[in-house]
Amino acid sequence: MTTNGSDKLALRMVSLVTALNVIVACGFSVAGVLSPGAILPAGASPTAASQVFALYAAARAVPLALVTLAALGRRSWIVPLGTLAGAAQLLDAGVGLFQHDIGKTVGPLVIAALQFLALFNLTRQGQASRAQAQ
């Protein structure tokens, strides 16, 4: 398959947004391990349970970030990994809603929207490239 300039740009944009997405998610999960109080709702105190949950979050976010960063620029990998990372951000926004924390709601929603817009653009560019090739 041949790729045109806009197709390459779309792949770069998805790669950039996905990298930002997983780095932010990984950073928050690691912050939760190192300083659980930093991610808890206002007024809540860290407990052994919050430490365990932070460890579980990091156990998922760190490998996702590492695999995703290694796959950047590879269309066959970045689409499913980007979709997964975007879905995780949507769920993070749900956690923010549950906590009644506007920052923990809007931030993930913005990242998820950017992720899905970049994926949509990449998919659209890929379809246009395939149509031109035929």
Protein backbone atom coordinates (compact mmCIF):
# COMPACT_ATOMS: atom_id res chain seq x y z
CA MET A 1 0.00 0.00 0.00
CA THR A 2 1.32 3.41 -0.83
CA THR A 3 0.99 6.23 1.64
CA ASN A 4 0.68 9.87 0.81
CA GLY A 5 1.88 12.82 2.88
CA SER A 6 -1.45 13.37 4.63
CA ASP A 7 -1.61 9.67 5.55
CA LYS A 8 1.86 9.88 7.11
CA LEU A 9 0.88 13.06 8.94
CA ALA A 10 -2.27 11.37 10.28
CA LEU A 11 -0.18 8.43 11.53
CA ARG A 12 2.24 10.84 13.21
CA MET A 13 -0.64 12.68 14.89
CA VAL A 14 -2.17 9.46 16.21
CA SER A 15 1.25 8.38 17.44
CA LEU A 16 1.81 11.72 19.19
CA VAL A 17 -1.63 11.83 20.82
CA THR A 18 -1.39 8.18 21.85
CA ALA A 19 2.06 8.72 23.35
CA LEU A 20 0.75 11.71 25.31
CA ASN A 21 -2.27 9.69 26.41
CA VAL A 22 -0.34 6.70 27.78
CA ILE A 23 2.39 8.83 29.35
CA VAL A 24 -0.20 10.89 31.24
CA ALA A 25 -2.07 7.76 32.37
CA CYS A 26 1.15 6.04 33.38
CA GLY A 27 2.29 9.17 35.23
CA PHE A 28 -0.89 9.35 37.27
CA SER A 29 -0.72 5.67 38.17
CA VAL A 30 2.92 5.95 39.24
CA ALA A 31 2.06 9.11 41.20
CA GLY A 32 -0.63 7.09 42.97
CA VAL A 33 1.94 4.52 44.02
CA LEU A 34 4.52 7.07 45.17
CA SER A 35 2.07 9.52 46.77
CA PRO A 36 -1.44 8.06 47.09
CA GLY A 37 -2.80 11.23 48.67
CA ALA A 38 -2.10 13.12 45.44
CA ILE A 39 -4.78 11.26 43.52
CA LEU A 40 -7.38 10.74 46.23
CA PRO A 41 -10.45 12.96 46.53
CA ALA A 42 -10.04 16.07 48.65
CA GLY A 43 -10.14 15.24 52.34
CA ALA A 44 -9.50 11.51 51.87
CA SER A 45 -6.55 9.89 53.58
CA PRO A 46 -4.40 7.18 52.00
CA THR A 47 -4.93 3.67 53.33
CA ALA A 48 -3.46 0.27 52.64
CA ALA A 49 -6.40 -0.33 50.28
CA SER A 50 -5.71 2.82 48.28
CA GLN A 51 -2.06 1.75 48.00
CA VAL A 52 -3.10 -1.66 46.65
CA PHE A 53 -5.47 -0.08 44.13
CA ALA A 54 -2.70 2.28 43.02
CA LEU A 55 -0.41 -0.73 42.51
CA TYR A 56 -3.09 -2.46 40.42
CA ALA A 57 -3.52 0.68 38.30
CA ALA A 58 0.23 0.92 37.74
CA ALA A 59 0.43 -2.78 36.92
CA ARG A 60 -1.82 -2.08 33.94
CA ALA A 61 -0.81 1.43 32.93
CA VAL A 62 2.96 0.90 32.86
CA PRO A 63 2.95 -2.11 30.47
CA LEU A 64 0.32 -0.43 28.26
CA ALA A 65 2.52 2.65 28.04
CA LEU A 66 5.67 0.65 27.29
CA VAL A 67 4.05 -1.49 24.58
CA THR A 68 2.28 1.51 23.06
CA LEU A 69 5.44 3.63 22.97
CA ALA A 70 7.27 0.73 21.30
CA ALA A 71 4.51 0.45 18.67
CA LEU A 72 4.37 4.13 17.71
CA GLY A 73 4.35 4.66 13.97
CA ARG A 74 3.08 1.17 13.18
CA ARG A 75 -0.45 1.53 11.87
CA SER A 76 -1.43 -2.08 12.54
CA TRP A 77 -0.58 -1.68 16.24
CA ILE A 78 -1.37 1.96 16.93
CA VAL A 79 -5.05 1.77 15.99
CA PRO A 80 -6.03 -0.91 18.54
CA LEU A 81 -3.66 0.43 21.20
CA GLY A 82 -4.88 3.99 20.61
CA THR A 83 -8.47 2.82 20.85
CA LEU A 84 -7.70 1.04 24.12
CA ALA A 85 -5.94 4.10 25.53
CA GLY A 86 -8.85 6.35 24.51
CA ALA A 87 -11.37 4.01 26.10
CA ALA A 88 -9.33 3.99 29.32
CA GLN A 89 -9.43 7.80 29.37
CA LEU A 90 -13.22 7.74 28.97
CA LEU A 91 -13.44 5.40 31.95
CA ASP A 92 -11.08 7.68 33.89
CA ALA A 93 -13.49 10.54 33.19
CA GLY A 94 -16.23 8.37 34.70
CA VAL A 95 -14.12 8.01 37.84
CA GLY A 96 -13.75 11.79 37.92
CA LEU A 97 -17.52 12.15 37.66
CA PHE A 98 -17.97 9.66 40.49
CA GLN A 99 -15.56 11.70 42.62
CA HIS A 100 -17.29 14.97 41.64
CA ASP A 101 -13.87 16.28 40.55
CA ILE A 102 -14.05 18.51 37.48
CA GLY A 103 -10.32 18.25 36.75
CA LYS A 104 -10.40 14.45 36.86
CA THR A 105 -13.39 14.53 34.52
CA VAL A 106 -12.52 17.17 31.94
CA GLY A 107 -8.83 16.25 31.54
CA PRO A 108 -9.48 12.63 30.57
CA LEU A 109 -12.41 13.67 28.36
CA VAL A 110 -10.19 16.07 26.43
CA ILE A 111 -7.47 13.45 25.98
CA ALA A 112 -10.05 10.84 24.91
CA ALA A 113 -11.60 13.26 22.41
CA LEU A 114 -8.19 14.08 20.94
CA GLN A 115 -7.38 10.37 20.79
CA PHE A 116 -10.57 9.43 18.97
CA LEU A 117 -10.37 12.40 16.59
CA ALA A 118 -6.80 11.46 15.66
CA LEU A 119 -7.82 7.81 15.17
CA PHE A 120 -10.80 8.86 13.06
CA ASN A 121 -8.57 11.06 10.91
CA LEU A 122 -6.04 8.24 10.46
CA THR A 123 -8.76 5.80 9.47
CA ARG A 124 -10.26 8.31 7.04
CA GLN A 125 -6.86 9.02 5.48
CA GLY A 126 -6.19 5.30 5.15
CA GLN A 127 -9.50 4.78 3.37
CA ALA A 128 -8.75 7.67 1.03
CA SER A 129 -5.29 6.22 0.27
CA ARG A 130 -6.76 2.81 -0.48
CA ALA A 131 -9.40 4.36 -2.73
CA GLN A 132 -6.71 6.26 -4.67
CA ALA A 133 -4.67 3.08 -5.10
CA GLN A 134 -7.61 1.29 -6.74
